[in-house]
């Protein structure tokens, strides 16, 4: 590696949403507190945030463009 072009890495504490702290290395010099992680994000939990929709958007689209021939 070339000298002088890479950032320095520091050990930081990353606080997860459940309060657990994990030590990681980062070029950021301050500790991080996450608002979203694998414990509450819909990608990992499988829960959708817009479950109240139930096809309402598709129905609105169809009624809005009912006169057009696709």
N, C-alpha and C. Protein backbone atom coordinates (compact mmCIF):
# COMPACT_ATOMS: atom_id res chain seq x y z
N UNK A 1 0.82 -1.19 0.00
CA UNK A 1 0.00 0.00 0.00
C UNK A 1 0.86 1.25 0.00
N UNK A 2 0.36 2.28 -0.65
CA UNK A 2 1.05 3.56 -0.61
C UNK A 2 0.92 4.16 0.77
N UNK A 3 1.92 4.81 1.20
CA UNK A 3 1.89 5.44 2.51
C UNK A 3 1.30 6.84 2.40
N UNK A 4 0.52 7.23 3.42
CA UNK A 4 -0.01 8.57 3.51
C UNK A 4 -1.31 8.84 2.78
N UNK A 5 -1.89 7.84 2.08
CA UNK A 5 -3.13 8.10 1.36
C UNK A 5 -4.34 7.41 1.99
N UNK A 6 -4.13 6.52 2.93
CA UNK A 6 -5.22 5.78 3.55
C UNK A 6 -5.58 6.38 4.90
N UNK A 7 -6.87 6.40 5.24
CA UNK A 7 -7.27 6.96 6.53
C UNK A 7 -6.84 6.06 7.69
N UNK A 8 -6.70 6.65 8.84
CA UNK A 8 -6.38 5.87 10.03
C UNK A 8 -7.65 5.24 10.57
N UNK A 9 -7.54 4.02 11.08
CA UNK A 9 -8.68 3.34 11.65
C UNK A 9 -8.60 3.38 13.16
N UNK A 10 -9.76 3.61 13.78
CA UNK A 10 -9.85 3.71 15.23
C UNK A 10 -10.88 2.71 15.71
N UNK A 11 -10.69 2.21 16.93
CA UNK A 11 -11.69 1.33 17.51
C UNK A 11 -12.83 2.18 18.07
N UNK A 12 -14.06 1.84 17.67
CA UNK A 12 -15.23 2.59 18.13
C UNK A 12 -16.24 1.61 18.71
N UNK A 13 -17.21 2.13 19.45
CA UNK A 13 -18.32 1.35 19.96
C UNK A 13 -19.56 1.66 19.13
N UNK A 14 -20.22 0.61 18.65
CA UNK A 14 -21.45 0.77 17.90
C UNK A 14 -22.57 0.22 18.77
N UNK A 15 -23.55 1.07 19.10
CA UNK A 15 -24.66 0.66 19.93
C UNK A 15 -25.84 0.28 19.04
N UNK A 16 -26.29 -0.98 19.18
CA UNK A 16 -27.40 -1.50 18.38
C UNK A 16 -28.72 -1.00 18.96
N UNK A 17 -29.83 -1.28 18.28
CA UNK A 17 -31.13 -0.80 18.73
C UNK A 17 -31.59 -1.45 20.02
N UNK A 18 -31.09 -2.64 20.34
CA UNK A 18 -31.49 -3.29 21.59
C UNK A 18 -30.59 -2.89 22.76
N UNK A 19 -29.62 -2.01 22.53
CA UNK A 19 -28.74 -1.53 23.59
C UNK A 19 -27.41 -2.26 23.67
N UNK A 20 -27.25 -3.34 22.92
CA UNK A 20 -25.99 -4.09 22.91
C UNK A 20 -24.91 -3.27 22.22
N UNK A 21 -23.71 -3.30 22.76
CA UNK A 21 -22.58 -2.55 22.20
C UNK A 21 -21.60 -3.52 21.55
N UNK A 22 -21.16 -3.16 20.34
CA UNK A 22 -20.20 -3.96 19.59
C UNK A 22 -19.00 -3.10 19.27
N UNK A 23 -17.79 -3.64 19.41
CA UNK A 23 -16.58 -2.91 19.06
C UNK A 23 -16.24 -3.18 17.60
N UNK A 24 -15.98 -2.10 16.86
CA UNK A 24 -15.61 -2.19 15.45
C UNK A 24 -14.51 -1.20 15.17
N UNK A 25 -13.94 -1.31 14.00
CA UNK A 25 -12.92 -0.35 13.55
C UNK A 25 -13.51 0.50 12.44
N UNK A 26 -13.24 1.80 12.49
CA UNK A 26 -13.77 2.72 11.50
C UNK A 26 -12.83 3.90 11.35
N UNK A 27 -12.96 4.61 10.22
CA UNK A 27 -12.20 5.84 10.04
C UNK A 27 -12.90 7.01 10.74
N UNK A 28 -14.15 6.79 11.16
CA UNK A 28 -14.87 7.78 11.95
C UNK A 28 -14.36 7.70 13.38
N UNK A 29 -14.10 8.83 13.99
CA UNK A 29 -13.47 8.83 15.31
C UNK A 29 -14.46 8.83 16.47
N UNK A 30 -15.77 8.80 16.18
CA UNK A 30 -16.73 8.85 17.29
C UNK A 30 -17.58 7.58 17.32
N UNK A 31 -18.14 7.30 18.49
CA UNK A 31 -19.01 6.14 18.64
C UNK A 31 -20.32 6.36 17.89
N UNK A 32 -20.91 5.26 17.41
CA UNK A 32 -22.15 5.33 16.64
C UNK A 32 -23.30 4.70 17.42
N UNK A 33 -24.48 5.30 17.29
CA UNK A 33 -25.70 4.74 17.85
C UNK A 33 -26.64 4.53 16.68
N UNK A 34 -26.99 3.27 16.41
CA UNK A 34 -27.81 2.95 15.25
C UNK A 34 -29.29 3.13 15.54
N UNK A 35 -30.02 3.67 14.57
CA UNK A 35 -31.47 3.76 14.69
C UNK A 35 -32.14 2.61 13.95
N UNK A 36 -31.42 1.96 13.04
CA UNK A 36 -31.93 0.81 12.29
C UNK A 36 -30.80 -0.21 12.17
N UNK A 37 -31.13 -1.46 12.45
CA UNK A 37 -30.16 -2.54 12.26
C UNK A 37 -30.92 -3.80 11.90
N UNK A 38 -30.25 -4.95 11.92
CA UNK A 38 -30.89 -6.19 11.50
C UNK A 38 -31.98 -6.66 12.46
N UNK A 39 -32.12 -6.04 13.62
CA UNK A 39 -33.15 -6.43 14.56
C UNK A 39 -34.51 -5.81 14.25
N UNK A 40 -34.53 -4.67 13.57
CA UNK A 40 -35.81 -4.01 13.32
C UNK A 40 -36.04 -3.58 11.88
N UNK A 41 -35.15 -3.90 10.96
CA UNK A 41 -35.33 -3.52 9.56
C UNK A 41 -36.15 -4.59 8.84
N UNK A 42 -37.07 -4.15 7.99
CA UNK A 42 -38.00 -5.07 7.33
C UNK A 42 -37.31 -6.08 6.40
N UNK A 43 -36.14 -5.77 5.91
CA UNK A 43 -35.41 -6.71 5.04
C UNK A 43 -35.06 -7.97 5.81
N UNK A 44 -34.64 -7.84 7.06
CA UNK A 44 -34.24 -8.98 7.86
C UNK A 44 -35.39 -9.58 8.66
N UNK A 45 -36.37 -8.78 9.05
CA UNK A 45 -37.46 -9.30 9.86
C UNK A 45 -38.58 -9.90 9.02
N UNK A 46 -38.70 -9.48 7.75
CA UNK A 46 -39.75 -9.99 6.89
C UNK A 46 -41.08 -9.29 7.08
N UNK A 47 -41.13 -8.28 7.91
CA UNK A 47 -42.37 -7.56 8.14
C UNK A 47 -42.42 -6.34 7.23
N UNK A 48 -43.55 -6.12 6.60
CA UNK A 48 -43.73 -4.96 5.74
C UNK A 48 -44.27 -3.81 6.56
N UNK A 49 -43.87 -2.60 6.21
CA UNK A 49 -44.33 -1.43 6.96
C UNK A 49 -45.65 -0.89 6.42
N UNK A 50 -45.99 -1.19 5.18
CA UNK A 50 -47.22 -0.67 4.61
C UNK A 50 -48.27 -1.77 4.45
N UNK A 51 -48.50 -2.57 5.49
CA UNK A 51 -49.44 -3.67 5.41
C UNK A 51 -50.89 -3.20 5.36
N UNK A 52 -51.17 -1.96 5.73
CA UNK A 52 -52.52 -1.44 5.69
C UNK A 52 -52.98 -1.09 4.28
N UNK A 53 -52.09 -1.13 3.31
CA UNK A 53 -52.40 -0.75 1.94
C UNK A 53 -53.39 -1.73 1.29
N UNK A 54 -53.10 -2.99 1.30
CA UNK A 54 -53.95 -4.06 0.77
C UNK A 54 -54.49 -3.79 -0.63
N UNK A 55 -53.63 -3.35 -1.53
CA UNK A 55 -54.01 -3.15 -2.92
C UNK A 55 -54.66 -1.81 -3.22
N UNK A 56 -54.69 -0.92 -2.27
CA UNK A 56 -55.33 0.38 -2.47
C UNK A 56 -54.61 1.20 -3.54
N UNK A 57 -53.28 1.15 -3.57
CA UNK A 57 -52.53 1.92 -4.58
C UNK A 57 -52.82 1.43 -5.98
N UNK A 58 -52.91 0.12 -6.14
CA UNK A 58 -53.21 -0.44 -7.47
C UNK A 58 -54.61 -0.05 -7.90
N UNK A 59 -55.57 -0.06 -6.99
CA UNK A 59 -56.94 0.33 -7.31
C UNK A 59 -57.01 1.81 -7.70
N UNK A 60 -56.29 2.65 -6.99
CA UNK A 60 -56.25 4.08 -7.33
C UNK A 60 -55.64 4.30 -8.71
N UNK A 61 -54.57 3.56 -9.02
CA UNK A 61 -53.93 3.67 -10.33
C UNK A 61 -54.89 3.26 -11.44
N UNK A 62 -55.58 2.14 -11.24
CA UNK A 62 -56.51 1.65 -12.25
C UNK A 62 -57.66 2.62 -12.48
N UNK A 63 -58.18 3.21 -11.41
CA UNK A 63 -59.29 4.15 -11.58
C UNK A 63 -58.81 5.46 -12.22
N UNK A 64 -57.60 5.86 -11.93
CA UNK A 64 -57.06 7.12 -12.48
C UNK A 64 -56.84 7.00 -13.98
N UNK A 65 -56.36 5.84 -14.43
CA UNK A 65 -56.02 5.64 -15.84
C UNK A 65 -56.98 4.66 -16.52
N UNK A 66 -58.23 4.64 -16.10
CA UNK A 66 -59.21 3.69 -16.64
C UNK A 66 -59.51 3.95 -18.12
N UNK A 67 -59.46 5.20 -18.56
CA UNK A 67 -59.79 5.51 -19.95
C UNK A 67 -58.68 5.28 -20.95
N UNK A 68 -57.47 4.99 -20.49
CA UNK A 68 -56.33 4.79 -21.38
C UNK A 68 -56.25 3.33 -21.81
N UNK A 69 -55.80 3.13 -23.04
CA UNK A 69 -55.60 1.77 -23.56
C UNK A 69 -54.10 1.48 -23.50
N UNK A 70 -53.70 0.50 -22.72
CA UNK A 70 -52.28 0.14 -22.60
C UNK A 70 -51.97 -1.04 -23.45
